[in-house]
Amino acid sequence: MLDLGRTRRIASRSQTLALIARDGGCSFPGFAHPPQYCERHHVRGWIDGELTNPNNLTLVCAYHHHNFLARGWTCRINSDGIPEWTPPMWVDRDQKPMINTRIQAVLTARKHGRRNGWMIQ
């Protein structure tokens, strides 16, 4: 079971494996830190009554986990279940949400029925 709700704050092993499969590492745009250098992050704060469920978690490297908010970035899980980051106005005046290029490449490959350049049968 991947949904823990309010029963636990820290992501379980199963949730962590699901995040590794989805995010592949730090989900912050432009960063390629592998999963072993990442922390699990509640997109909407557990302390604010939110849930420890995969649709509220993402992987981020320690730097981004502890600094993104102070730098004006926000994160949300979009309607496709993918973490997207909204930059502050000083980075992008239009504040267009961004998806990590590694995650976007996987999505594009799935959309076109490919994995590592090969057709999925």
N, C-alpha and C. Protein backbone atom coordinates (compact mmCIF):
# COMPACT_ATOMS: atom_id res chain seq x y z
N MET A 1 0.85 -1.18 0.00
CA MET A 1 0.00 0.00 0.00
C MET A 1 0.89 1.24 0.00
N LEU A 2 0.63 2.14 -0.93
CA LEU A 2 1.46 3.33 -1.05
C LEU A 2 0.91 4.55 -0.33
N ASP A 3 -0.37 4.58 -0.05
CA ASP A 3 -0.96 5.73 0.65
C ASP A 3 -0.90 5.49 2.16
N LEU A 4 -0.15 6.35 2.85
CA LEU A 4 -0.04 6.23 4.31
C LEU A 4 -0.88 7.27 5.04
N GLY A 5 -1.38 8.25 4.30
CA GLY A 5 -2.20 9.28 4.91
C GLY A 5 -1.49 10.00 6.02
N ARG A 6 -2.15 10.07 7.18
CA ARG A 6 -1.58 10.75 8.35
C ARG A 6 -0.94 9.78 9.33
N THR A 7 -0.89 8.48 8.99
CA THR A 7 -0.37 7.49 9.93
C THR A 7 1.14 7.57 10.11
N ARG A 8 1.82 8.17 9.16
CA ARG A 8 3.29 8.21 9.20
C ARG A 8 3.77 9.44 8.44
N ARG A 9 4.78 10.15 8.99
CA ARG A 9 5.32 11.33 8.32
C ARG A 9 6.40 10.96 7.31
N ILE A 10 7.25 10.03 7.67
CA ILE A 10 8.37 9.65 6.80
C ILE A 10 7.89 8.66 5.74
N ALA A 11 8.31 8.89 4.51
CA ALA A 11 7.92 7.98 3.42
C ALA A 11 8.44 6.58 3.69
N SER A 12 7.64 5.59 3.33
CA SER A 12 8.02 4.18 3.51
C SER A 12 8.99 3.76 2.41
N ARG A 13 9.54 2.58 2.56
CA ARG A 13 10.43 2.01 1.53
C ARG A 13 9.69 1.87 0.20
N SER A 14 8.44 1.37 0.26
CA SER A 14 7.66 1.21 -0.97
C SER A 14 7.40 2.56 -1.65
N GLN A 15 7.08 3.56 -0.87
CA GLN A 15 6.86 4.90 -1.43
C GLN A 15 8.15 5.43 -2.04
N THR A 16 9.27 5.23 -1.35
CA THR A 16 10.55 5.70 -1.86
C THR A 16 10.88 5.03 -3.19
N LEU A 17 10.62 3.74 -3.30
CA LEU A 17 10.87 3.04 -4.57
C LEU A 17 9.96 3.58 -5.68
N ALA A 18 8.71 3.89 -5.34
CA ALA A 18 7.80 4.48 -6.33
C ALA A 18 8.28 5.87 -6.76
N LEU A 19 8.81 6.65 -5.82
CA LEU A 19 9.34 7.98 -6.16
C LEU A 19 10.58 7.87 -7.04
N ILE A 20 11.42 6.88 -6.75
CA ILE A 20 12.61 6.66 -7.59
C ILE A 20 12.18 6.30 -9.00
N ALA A 21 11.17 5.45 -9.13
CA ALA A 21 10.67 5.06 -10.45
C ALA A 21 10.09 6.26 -11.19
N ARG A 22 9.37 7.12 -10.48
CA ARG A 22 8.74 8.28 -11.13
C ARG A 22 9.72 9.42 -11.37
N ASP A 23 10.47 9.81 -10.34
CA ASP A 23 11.32 11.00 -10.43
C ASP A 23 12.73 10.69 -10.93
N GLY A 24 13.26 9.53 -10.61
CA GLY A 24 14.59 9.15 -11.06
C GLY A 24 15.73 9.88 -10.37
N GLY A 25 15.43 10.72 -9.42
CA GLY A 25 16.43 11.53 -8.73
C GLY A 25 15.81 12.87 -8.38
N CYS A 26 16.65 13.88 -8.17
CA CYS A 26 16.14 15.20 -7.79
C CYS A 26 15.20 15.72 -8.87
N SER A 27 13.99 16.08 -8.46
CA SER A 27 12.98 16.54 -9.43
C SER A 27 13.09 18.04 -9.73
N PHE A 28 13.98 18.74 -9.04
CA PHE A 28 14.12 20.18 -9.29
C PHE A 28 14.65 20.39 -10.71
N PRO A 29 14.10 21.36 -11.44
CA PRO A 29 14.51 21.58 -12.84
C PRO A 29 16.01 21.82 -12.99
N GLY A 30 16.59 21.10 -13.96
CA GLY A 30 17.99 21.30 -14.30
C GLY A 30 18.98 20.52 -13.45
N PHE A 31 18.49 19.69 -12.54
CA PHE A 31 19.41 18.96 -11.68
C PHE A 31 19.28 17.46 -11.92
N ALA A 32 20.44 16.77 -11.87
CA ALA A 32 20.49 15.36 -12.20
C ALA A 32 20.99 14.51 -11.03
N HIS A 33 20.88 15.03 -9.80
CA HIS A 33 21.34 14.24 -8.65
C HIS A 33 20.57 12.92 -8.61
N PRO A 34 21.29 11.79 -8.49
CA PRO A 34 20.63 10.49 -8.45
C PRO A 34 19.86 10.27 -7.14
N PRO A 35 18.98 9.29 -7.12
CA PRO A 35 18.13 9.05 -5.95
C PRO A 35 18.88 8.91 -4.62
N GLN A 36 20.05 8.30 -4.65
CA GLN A 36 20.76 8.08 -3.39
C GLN A 36 21.22 9.37 -2.73
N TYR A 37 21.18 10.48 -3.46
CA TYR A 37 21.54 11.78 -2.89
C TYR A 37 20.31 12.65 -2.64
N CYS A 38 19.14 12.03 -2.64
CA CYS A 38 17.89 12.78 -2.50
C CYS A 38 17.18 12.47 -1.20
N GLU A 39 16.33 13.41 -0.84
CA GLU A 39 15.44 13.27 0.32
C GLU A 39 14.02 13.29 -0.19
N ARG A 40 13.12 12.67 0.57
CA ARG A 40 11.72 12.71 0.21
C ARG A 40 11.10 13.98 0.76
N HIS A 41 10.35 14.67 -0.07
CA HIS A 41 9.78 15.96 0.30
C HIS A 41 8.26 15.95 0.16
N HIS A 42 7.56 16.40 1.20
CA HIS A 42 6.11 16.61 1.13
C HIS A 42 5.87 17.89 0.34
N VAL A 43 5.15 17.81 -0.75
CA VAL A 43 4.85 18.98 -1.57
C VAL A 43 3.97 19.94 -0.78
N ARG A 44 2.94 19.42 -0.17
CA ARG A 44 2.10 20.18 0.77
C ARG A 44 2.44 19.65 2.15
N GLY A 45 2.78 20.52 3.06
CA GLY A 45 3.37 20.16 4.33
C GLY A 45 2.60 19.19 5.22
N TRP A 46 3.29 18.14 5.67
CA TRP A 46 2.70 17.20 6.61
C TRP A 46 2.32 17.92 7.90
N ILE A 47 3.14 18.87 8.30
CA ILE A 47 2.86 19.64 9.52
C ILE A 47 1.57 20.45 9.40
N ASP A 48 1.16 20.72 8.16
CA ASP A 48 -0.07 21.46 7.89
C ASP A 48 -1.28 20.54 7.74
N GLY A 49 -1.11 19.27 8.08
CA GLY A 49 -2.22 18.33 8.03
C GLY A 49 -2.32 17.55 6.73
N GLU A 50 -1.32 17.68 5.87
CA GLU A 50 -1.36 16.97 4.58
C GLU A 50 -0.89 15.52 4.75
N LEU A 51 -0.96 14.75 3.67
CA LEU A 51 -0.79 13.31 3.71
C LEU A 51 0.58 12.85 3.22
N THR A 52 0.99 11.69 3.72
CA THR A 52 2.20 11.04 3.22
C THR A 52 1.77 10.02 2.17
N ASN A 53 1.47 10.53 1.01
CA ASN A 53 1.02 9.74 -0.14
C ASN A 53 1.89 10.13 -1.34
N PRO A 54 2.10 9.22 -2.28
CA PRO A 54 2.94 9.54 -3.44
C PRO A 54 2.50 10.79 -4.22
N ASN A 55 1.20 11.08 -4.22
CA ASN A 55 0.75 12.28 -4.95
C ASN A 55 1.00 13.56 -4.15
N ASN A 56 1.73 13.43 -3.04
CA ASN A 56 2.14 14.60 -2.25
C ASN A 56 3.63 14.53 -1.90
N LEU A 57 4.37 13.69 -2.61
CA LEU A 57 5.80 13.52 -2.34
C LEU A 57 6.61 13.66 -3.62
N THR A 58 7.84 14.11 -3.47
CA THR A 58 8.79 14.13 -4.58
C THR A 58 10.19 13.97 -4.01
N LEU A 59 11.13 13.58 -4.87
CA LEU A 59 12.53 13.49 -4.47
C LEU A 59 13.23 14.81 -4.80
N VAL A 60 14.01 15.31 -3.86
CA VAL A 60 14.85 16.48 -4.10
C VAL A 60 16.18 16.28 -3.39
N CYS A 61 17.24 16.83 -3.97
CA CYS A 61 18.54 16.78 -3.31
C CYS A 61 18.47 17.62 -2.04
N ALA A 62 19.39 17.40 -1.13
CA ALA A 62 19.36 18.09 0.16
C ALA A 62 19.38 19.61 -0.02
N TYR A 63 20.17 20.11 -0.96
CA TYR A 63 20.24 21.56 -1.16
C TYR A 63 18.85 22.13 -1.49
N HIS A 64 18.20 21.56 -2.48
CA HIS A 64 16.90 22.09 -2.87
C HIS A 64 15.83 21.85 -1.80
N HIS A 65 15.94 20.73 -1.10
CA HIS A 65 14.97 20.44 -0.05
C HIS A 65 14.99 21.54 1.03
N HIS A 66 16.17 22.05 1.30
CA HIS A 66 16.31 23.03 2.38
C HIS A 66 16.34 24.48 1.91
N ASN A 67 16.39 24.72 0.59
CA ASN A 67 16.55 26.10 0.10
C ASN A 67 15.53 26.58 -0.92
N PHE A 68 14.74 25.69 -1.52
CA PHE A 68 13.87 26.13 -2.61
C PHE A 68 12.85 27.17 -2.17
N LEU A 69 12.27 27.00 -1.00
CA LEU A 69 11.24 27.91 -0.53
C LEU A 69 11.80 29.31 -0.27
N ALA A 70 12.96 29.38 0.35
CA ALA A 70 13.59 30.67 0.64
C ALA A 70 13.97 31.40 -0.65
N ARG A 71 14.15 30.66 -1.73
CA ARG A 71 14.52 31.27 -3.01
C ARG A 71 13.29 31.58 -3.87
N GLY A 72 12.10 31.31 -3.34
CA GLY A 72 10.87 31.70 -4.02
C GLY A 72 10.24 30.66 -4.92
N TRP A 73 10.74 29.43 -4.92
CA TRP A 73 10.18 28.38 -5.76
C TRP A 73 9.04 27.68 -5.03
N THR A 74 8.09 27.16 -5.79
CA THR A 74 7.03 26.31 -5.23
C THR A 74 6.95 25.05 -6.07
N CYS A 75 6.39 24.01 -5.47
CA CYS A 75 6.25 22.73 -6.16
C CYS A 75 4.82 22.26 -6.02
N ARG A 76 4.37 21.54 -7.03
CA ARG A 76 3.08 20.87 -6.97
C ARG A 76 3.17 19.62 -7.82
N ILE A 77 2.26 18.71 -7.57
CA ILE A 77 2.14 17.52 -8.42
C ILE A 77 1.03 17.84 -9.41
N ASN A 78 1.36 17.80 -10.70
CA ASN A 78 0.37 18.20 -11.72
C ASN A 78 -0.67 17.10 -11.95
N SER A 79 -1.58 17.37 -12.86
CA SER A 79 -2.69 16.43 -13.12
C SER A 79 -2.22 15.10 -13.71
N ASP A 80 -0.99 15.05 -14.23
CA ASP A 80 -0.42 13.80 -14.72
C ASP A 80 0.35 13.05 -13.64
N GLY A 81 0.35 13.60 -12.41
CA GLY A 81 1.06 12.96 -11.31
C GLY A 81 2.55 13.23 -11.29
N ILE A 82 2.98 14.30 -11.97
CA ILE A 82 4.40 14.63 -12.12
C ILE A 82 4.71 15.90 -11.32
N PRO A 83 5.85 15.92 -10.61
CA PRO A 83 6.22 17.14 -9.89
C PRO A 83 6.62 18.25 -10.87
N GLU A 84 6.05 19.41 -10.65
CA GLU A 84 6.46 20.57 -11.45
C GLU A 84 6.74 21.72 -10.50
N TRP A 85 7.72 22.50 -10.88
CA TRP A 85 8.24 23.58 -10.04
C TRP A 85 7.93 24.92 -10.69
N THR A 86 7.41 25.84 -9.89
CA THR A 86 7.11 27.18 -10.36
C THR A 86 8.19 28.12 -9.85
N PRO A 87 8.89 28.76 -10.78
CA PRO A 87 9.98 29.65 -10.37
C PRO A 87 9.45 30.99 -9.85
N PRO A 88 10.28 31.69 -9.09
CA PRO A 88 9.90 33.04 -8.66
C PRO A 88 9.94 33.99 -9.86
N MET A 89 9.32 35.13 -9.72
CA MET A 89 9.27 36.10 -10.82
C MET A 89 10.64 36.54 -11.29
N TRP A 90 11.63 36.58 -10.41
CA TRP A 90 12.97 37.03 -10.82
C TRP A 90 13.65 36.01 -11.74
N VAL A 91 13.16 34.77 -11.76
CA VAL A 91 13.68 33.75 -12.67
C VAL A 91 12.86 33.73 -13.96
N ASP A 92 11.54 33.78 -13.83
CA ASP A 92 10.64 33.76 -14.98
C ASP A 92 9.46 34.68 -14.66
N ARG A 93 9.39 35.75 -15.38
CA ARG A 93 8.35 36.75 -15.15
C ARG A 93 6.94 36.15 -15.23
N ASP A 94 6.77 35.16 -16.13
CA ASP A 94 5.46 34.52 -16.30
C ASP A 94 5.23 33.38 -15.31
N GLN A 95 6.26 33.01 -14.59
CA GLN A 95 6.21 31.92 -13.61
C GLN A 95 5.61 30.64 -14.21
N LYS A 96 6.10 30.27 -15.37
CA LYS A 96 5.66 29.05 -16.04
C LYS A 96 6.22 27.83 -15.31
N PRO A 97 5.35 26.90 -14.90
CA PRO A 97 5.82 25.70 -14.22
C PRO A 97 6.81 24.91 -15.08
N MET A 98 7.81 24.33 -14.41
CA MET A 98 8.88 23.60 -15.09
C MET A 98 8.93 22.16 -14.59
N ILE A 99 9.26 21.26 -15.51
CA ILE A 99 9.45 19.85 -15.16
C ILE A 99 10.90 19.51 -15.45
N ASN A 100 11.52 18.78 -14.55
CA ASN A 100 12.91 18.36 -14.73
C ASN A 100 13.05 17.68 -16.09
N THR A 101 14.12 18.01 -16.82
CA THR A 101 14.30 17.48 -18.18
C THR A 101 14.42 15.96 -18.21
N ARG A 102 14.99 15.36 -17.15
CA ARG A 102 15.09 13.89 -17.09
C ARG A 102 13.71 13.27 -17.02
N ILE A 103 12.84 13.85 -16.18
CA ILE A 103 11.47 13.35 -16.05
C ILE A 103 10.71 13.59 -17.34
N GLN A 104 10.90 14.75 -17.95
CA GLN A 104 10.22 15.07 -19.20
C GLN A 104 10.64 14.11 -20.31
N ALA A 105 11.91 13.74 -20.36
CA ALA A 105 12.39 12.80 -21.39
C ALA A 105 11.73 11.44 -21.23
N VAL A 106 11.56 10.98 -19.99
CA VAL A 106 10.89 9.69 -19.75
C VAL A 106 9.44 9.77 -20.18
N LEU A 107 8.77 10.88 -19.86
CA LEU A 107 7.37 11.06 -20.27
C LEU A 107 7.23 11.06 -21.78
N THR A 108 8.14 11.75 -22.45
CA THR A 108 8.11 11.81 -23.92
C THR A 108 8.33 10.43 -24.52
N ALA A 109 9.27 9.68 -23.95
CA ALA A 109 9.55 8.33 -24.45
C ALA A 109 8.32 7.43 -24.27
N ARG A 110 7.67 7.53 -23.12
CA ARG A 110 6.47 6.72 -22.88
C ARG A 110 5.36 7.11 -23.85
N LYS A 111 5.23 8.40 -24.08
CA LYS A 111 4.18 8.89 -24.99
C LYS A 111 4.37 8.32 -26.39
N HIS A 112 5.63 8.17 -26.78
CA HIS A 112 5.94 7.66 -28.12
C HIS A 112 6.21 6.16 -28.12
N GLY A 113 5.94 5.50 -26.99
CA GLY A 113 6.10 4.05 -26.92
C GLY A 113 7.53 3.59 -26.98
N ARG A 114 8.45 4.38 -26.44
CA ARG A 114 9.87 4.02 -26.50
C ARG A 114 10.46 3.96 -25.11
N ARG A 115 11.44 3.09 -24.95
CA ARG A 115 12.22 3.01 -23.73
C ARG A 115 13.67 2.90 -24.14
N ASN A 116 14.49 3.84 -23.72
CA ASN A 116 15.92 3.86 -24.08
C ASN A 116 16.13 3.75 -25.58
N GLY A 117 15.27 4.43 -26.35
CA GLY A 117 15.44 4.45 -27.79
C GLY A 117 14.80 3.29 -28.53
N TRP A 118 14.29 2.28 -27.82
CA TRP A 118 13.70 1.11 -28.45
C TRP A 118 12.19 1.15 -28.31
N MET A 119 11.51 0.63 -29.29
CA MET A 119 10.05 0.56 -29.24
C MET A 119 9.63 -0.41 -28.13
N ILE A 120 8.64 -0.03 -27.37
CA ILE A 120 8.09 -0.92 -26.34
C ILE A 120 7.11 -1.87 -27.02
N GLN A 121 7.30 -3.14 -26.84
CA GLN A 121 6.43 -4.16 -27.48
C GLN A 121 5.34 -4.60 -26.55
